[in-house]
C-alpha atoms as a PDB file:
ATOM      1  CA  UNK A   1     116.317  55.579  91.356  1.00  0.00           C
ATOM      2  CA  UNK A   2     112.565  55.205  91.740  1.00  0.00           C
ATOM      3  CA  UNK A   3     110.518  55.480  88.548  1.00  0.00           C
ATOM      4  CA  UNK A   4     108.094  58.417  88.583  1.00  0.00           C
ATOM      5  CA  UNK A   5     104.645  57.475  87.341  1.00  0.00           C
ATOM      6  CA  UNK A   6     101.787  59.629  86.167  1.00  0.00           C
ATOM      7  CA  UNK A   7      99.779  58.549  89.224  1.00  0.00           C
ATOM      8  CA  UNK A   8     102.677  59.480  91.518  1.00  0.00           C
ATOM      9  CA  UNK A   9     102.996  62.909  89.939  1.00  0.00           C
ATOM     10  CA  UNK A  10      99.224  63.417  90.133  1.00  0.00           C
ATOM     11  CA  UNK A  11      99.172  62.433  93.815  1.00  0.00           C
ATOM     12  CA  UNK A  12     101.997  64.879  94.620  1.00  0.00           C
ATOM     13  CA  UNK A  13     100.302  67.732  92.779  1.00  0.00           C
ATOM     14  CA  UNK A  14      96.898  67.152  94.395  1.00  0.00           C
ATOM     15  CA  UNK A  15      98.460  66.827  97.881  1.00  0.00           C
ATOM     16  CA  UNK A  16     100.700  69.894  97.542  1.00  0.00           C
ATOM     17  CA  UNK A  17     100.217  72.745 100.019  1.00  0.00           C
ATOM     18  CA  UNK A  18     100.466  75.505  97.414  1.00  0.00           C
ATOM     19  CA  UNK A  19      98.337  78.233  98.998  1.00  0.00           C
ATOM     20  CA  UNK A  20     100.005  81.558  99.734  1.00  0.00           C
ATOM     21  CA  UNK A  21      99.238  83.698 102.754  1.00  0.00           C
ATOM     22  CA  UNK A  22     100.129  87.237 103.708  1.00  0.00           C
ATOM     23  CA  UNK A  23      99.775  88.539 107.251  1.00  0.00           C
ATOM     24  CA  UNK A  24      98.379  92.070 107.582  1.00  0.00           C
ATOM     25  CA  UNK A  25      98.198  94.063 110.797  1.00  0.00           C
ATOM     26  CA  UNK A  26      95.286  96.498 110.615  1.00  0.00           C
ATOM     27  CA  UNK A  27      96.093  99.004 113.356  1.00  0.00           C
ATOM     28  CA  UNK A  28      92.880 100.962 112.815  1.00  0.00           C
ATOM     29  CA  UNK A  29      90.857  97.821 113.590  1.00  0.00           C
ATOM     30  CA  UNK A  30      93.201  96.549 116.305  1.00  0.00           C
ATOM     31  CA  UNK A  31      93.553  93.141 114.602  1.00  0.00           C
ATOM     32  CA  UNK A  32      95.872  91.030 112.517  1.00  0.00           C
ATOM     33  CA  UNK A  33      94.353  89.187 109.571  1.00  0.00           C
ATOM     34  CA  UNK A  34      95.739  86.688 107.098  1.00  0.00           C
ATOM     35  CA  UNK A  35      94.968  87.173 103.438  1.00  0.00           C
ATOM     36  CA  UNK A  36      94.938  83.887 101.551  1.00  0.00           C
ATOM     37  CA  UNK A  37      95.383  83.137  97.886  1.00  0.00           C
ATOM     38  CA  UNK A  38      92.306  81.828  96.113  1.00  0.00           C
ATOM     39  CA  UNK A  39      91.926  78.363  94.701  1.00  0.00           C
ATOM     40  CA  UNK A  40      91.482  78.271  90.920  1.00  0.00           C
ATOM     41  CA  UNK A  41      87.774  77.453  91.249  1.00  0.00           C
ATOM     42  CA  UNK A  42      87.235  80.189  93.856  1.00  0.00           C
ATOM     43  CA  UNK A  43      88.851  82.768  91.583  1.00  0.00           C
ATOM     44  CA  UNK A  44      86.710  81.765  88.599  1.00  0.00           C
ATOM     45  CA  UNK A  45      83.544  81.765  90.697  1.00  0.00           C
ATOM     46  CA  UNK A  46      84.492  85.212  92.031  1.00  0.00           C
ATOM     47  CA  UNK A  47      84.914  86.620  88.529  1.00  0.00           C
ATOM     48  CA  UNK A  48      81.683  85.014  87.302  1.00  0.00           C
ATOM     49  CA  UNK A  49      79.560  86.055  90.290  1.00  0.00           C
ATOM     50  CA  UNK A  50      80.931  89.590  90.145  1.00  0.00           C
ATOM     51  CA  UNK A  51      80.070  89.913  86.465  1.00  0.00           C
ATOM     52  CA  UNK A  52      83.686  90.555  85.545  1.00  0.00           C
ATOM     53  CA  UNK A  53      85.637  88.589  83.001  1.00  0.00           C
ATOM     54  CA  UNK A  54      89.407  88.287  82.740  1.00  0.00           C
ATOM     55  CA  UNK A  55      89.506  90.830  79.906  1.00  0.00           C
ATOM     56  CA  UNK A  56      89.195  94.430  81.018  1.00  0.00           C
ATOM     57  CA  UNK A  57      87.100  96.562  78.738  1.00  0.00           C
ATOM     58  CA  UNK A  58      87.389 100.317  78.519  1.00  0.00           C
ATOM     59  CA  UNK A  59      84.481 100.997  80.860  1.00  0.00           C
ATOM     60  CA  UNK A  60      84.254 100.324  84.553  1.00  0.00           C
ATOM     61  CA  UNK A  61      80.985  99.252  86.128  1.00  0.00           C
ATOM     62  CA  UNK A  62      81.108 100.425  89.753  1.00  0.00           C
ATOM     63  CA  UNK A  63      78.526  97.856  90.920  1.00  0.00           C
ATOM     64  CA  UNK A  64      80.527  95.004  89.381  1.00  0.00           C
ATOM     65  CA  UNK A  65      83.780  96.281  90.837  1.00  0.00           C
ATOM     66  CA  UNK A  66      82.203  96.642  94.287  1.00  0.00           C
ATOM     67  CA  UNK A  67      80.798  93.129  94.041  1.00  0.00           C
ATOM     68  CA  UNK A  68      84.231  91.821  93.029  1.00  0.00           C
ATOM     69  CA  UNK A  69      85.992  93.587  95.920  1.00  0.00           C
ATOM     70  CA  UNK A  70      83.457  92.507  98.535  1.00  0.00           C
ATOM     71  CA  UNK A  71      83.490  88.887  97.329  1.00  0.00           C
ATOM     72  CA  UNK A  72      87.300  88.932  97.237  1.00  0.00           C
ATOM     73  CA  UNK A  73      87.565  90.267 100.797  1.00  0.00           C
ATOM     74  CA  UNK A  74      85.072  87.665 102.038  1.00  0.00           C
ATOM     75  CA  UNK A  75      86.936  84.805 100.342  1.00  0.00           C
ATOM     76  CA  UNK A  76      90.482  85.860 101.174  1.00  0.00           C
ATOM     77  CA  UNK A  77      90.384  87.230 104.742  1.00  0.00           C
ATOM     78  CA  UNK A  78      90.907  84.536 107.347  1.00  0.00           C
ATOM     79  CA  UNK A  79      92.138  84.083 110.876  1.00  0.00           C
ATOM     80  CA  UNK A  80      95.498  82.565 111.772  1.00  0.00           C
ATOM     81  CA  UNK A  81      94.035  79.060 111.549  1.00  0.00           C
ATOM     82  CA  UNK A  82      92.706  79.652 108.027  1.00  0.00           C
ATOM     83  CA  UNK A  83      89.060  80.084 109.036  1.00  0.00           C
ATOM     84  CA  UNK A  84      87.086  82.546 106.917  1.00  0.00           C
ATOM     85  CA  UNK A  85      86.133  85.629 108.962  1.00  0.00           C
ATOM     86  CA  UNK A  86      83.413  87.191 106.807  1.00  0.00           C
ATOM     87  CA  UNK A  87      80.414  85.950 104.845  1.00  0.00           C
ATOM     88  CA  UNK A  88      78.373  87.545 102.078  1.00  0.00           C
ATOM     89  CA  UNK A  89      75.985  88.734 104.787  1.00  0.00           C
ATOM     90  CA  UNK A  90      78.770  91.127 105.870  1.00  0.00           C
ATOM     91  CA  UNK A  91      78.852  93.087 102.575  1.00  0.00           C
ATOM     92  CA  UNK A  92      76.855  96.057 103.895  1.00  0.00           C
ATOM     93  CA  UNK A  93      78.853  96.200 107.142  1.00  0.00           C
ATOM     94  CA  UNK A  94      82.158  95.999 105.249  1.00  0.00           C
ATOM     95  CA  UNK A  95      81.034  98.875 103.022  1.00  0.00           C
ATOM     96  CA  UNK A  96      80.989 101.084 106.136  1.00  0.00           C
ATOM     97  CA  UNK A  97      84.691 100.419 106.862  1.00  0.00           C
ATOM     98  CA  UNK A  98      87.617 102.637 105.861  1.00  0.00           C
ATOM     99  CA  UNK A  99      88.012 102.396 102.077  1.00  0.00           C
ATOM    100  CA  UNK A 100      91.818 102.560 102.255  1.00  0.00           C
ATOM    101  CA  UNK A 101      91.907  99.424 104.405  1.00  0.00           C
ATOM    102  CA  UNK A 102      89.457  97.543 102.180  1.00  0.00           C
ATOM    103  CA  UNK A 103      91.484  98.611  99.120  1.00  0.00           C
ATOM    104  CA  UNK A 104      94.728  97.419 100.746  1.00  0.00           C
ATOM    105  CA  UNK A 105      93.199  94.033 101.546  1.00  0.00           C
ATOM    106  CA  UNK A 106      91.767  93.761  98.027  1.00  0.00           C
ATOM    107  CA  UNK A 107      95.114  94.718  96.452  1.00  0.00           C
ATOM    108  CA  UNK A 108      96.994  92.045  98.400  1.00  0.00           C
ATOM    109  CA  UNK A 109      94.308  89.439  97.711  1.00  0.00           C
ATOM    110  CA  UNK A 110      94.266  90.346  94.009  1.00  0.00           C
ATOM    111  CA  UNK A 111      98.026  89.801  93.774  1.00  0.00           C
ATOM    112  CA  UNK A 112      97.838  86.497  95.689  1.00  0.00           C
ATOM    113  CA  UNK A 113      95.062  85.345  93.327  1.00  0.00           C
ATOM    114  CA  UNK A 114      97.242  86.095  90.297  1.00  0.00           C
ATOM    115  CA  UNK A 115      94.882  88.803  89.071  1.00  0.00           C
ATOM    116  CA  UNK A 116      97.081  91.876  89.602  1.00  0.00           C
ATOM    117  CA  UNK A 117      99.766  93.139  87.230  1.00  0.00           C
ATOM    118  CA  UNK A 118     102.505  91.411  89.212  1.00  0.00           C
ATOM    119  CA  UNK A 119     100.593  88.135  89.233  1.00  0.00           C
ATOM    120  CA  UNK A 120      99.967  88.261  85.508  1.00  0.00           C
ATOM    121  CA  UNK A 121     103.658  88.952  84.859  1.00  0.00           C
ATOM    122  CA  UNK A 122     104.717  86.004  87.065  1.00  0.00           C
ATOM    123  CA  UNK A 123     102.261  83.677  85.326  1.00  0.00           C
ATOM    124  CA  UNK A 124     103.341  84.848  81.878  1.00  0.00           C
ATOM    125  CA  UNK A 125     107.035  84.369  82.722  1.00  0.00           C
ATOM    126  CA  UNK A 126     106.384  80.765  83.764  1.00  0.00           C
ATOM    127  CA  UNK A 127     105.176  79.901  80.287  1.00  0.00           C
ATOM    128  CA  UNK A 128     107.664  81.827  78.158  1.00  0.00           C
ATOM    129  CA  UNK A 129     110.207  79.828  76.188  1.00  0.00           C
ATOM    130  CA  UNK A 130     113.693  79.956  77.658  1.00  0.00           C
END
């Protein structure tokens, strides 16, 4: 049996294809999009740039939430090849789209990023003593 070294483990971790993707057909737009999970650094940058922290306080700042959702949609929505479809320049145009569709995309992307209730529960369960 081959001895596993720290360098070997590190190489496997850093080479792993661990991104998650969910395909979403948006009939109203006549397109199929792929919503991708965020990398750890992307998620932290998203939270920082949006002015939101991981702890939810009792008040909701609509501007911060809108910024979070728009940044999340821009980061997570890609074509089949993994190419980002939107940029920050598309914020105003995206704000004119059906809110239900934007909310659905944001909900899926939030879960894939580990920020939704289901994601938090999965993360927590990974670190609980068995």
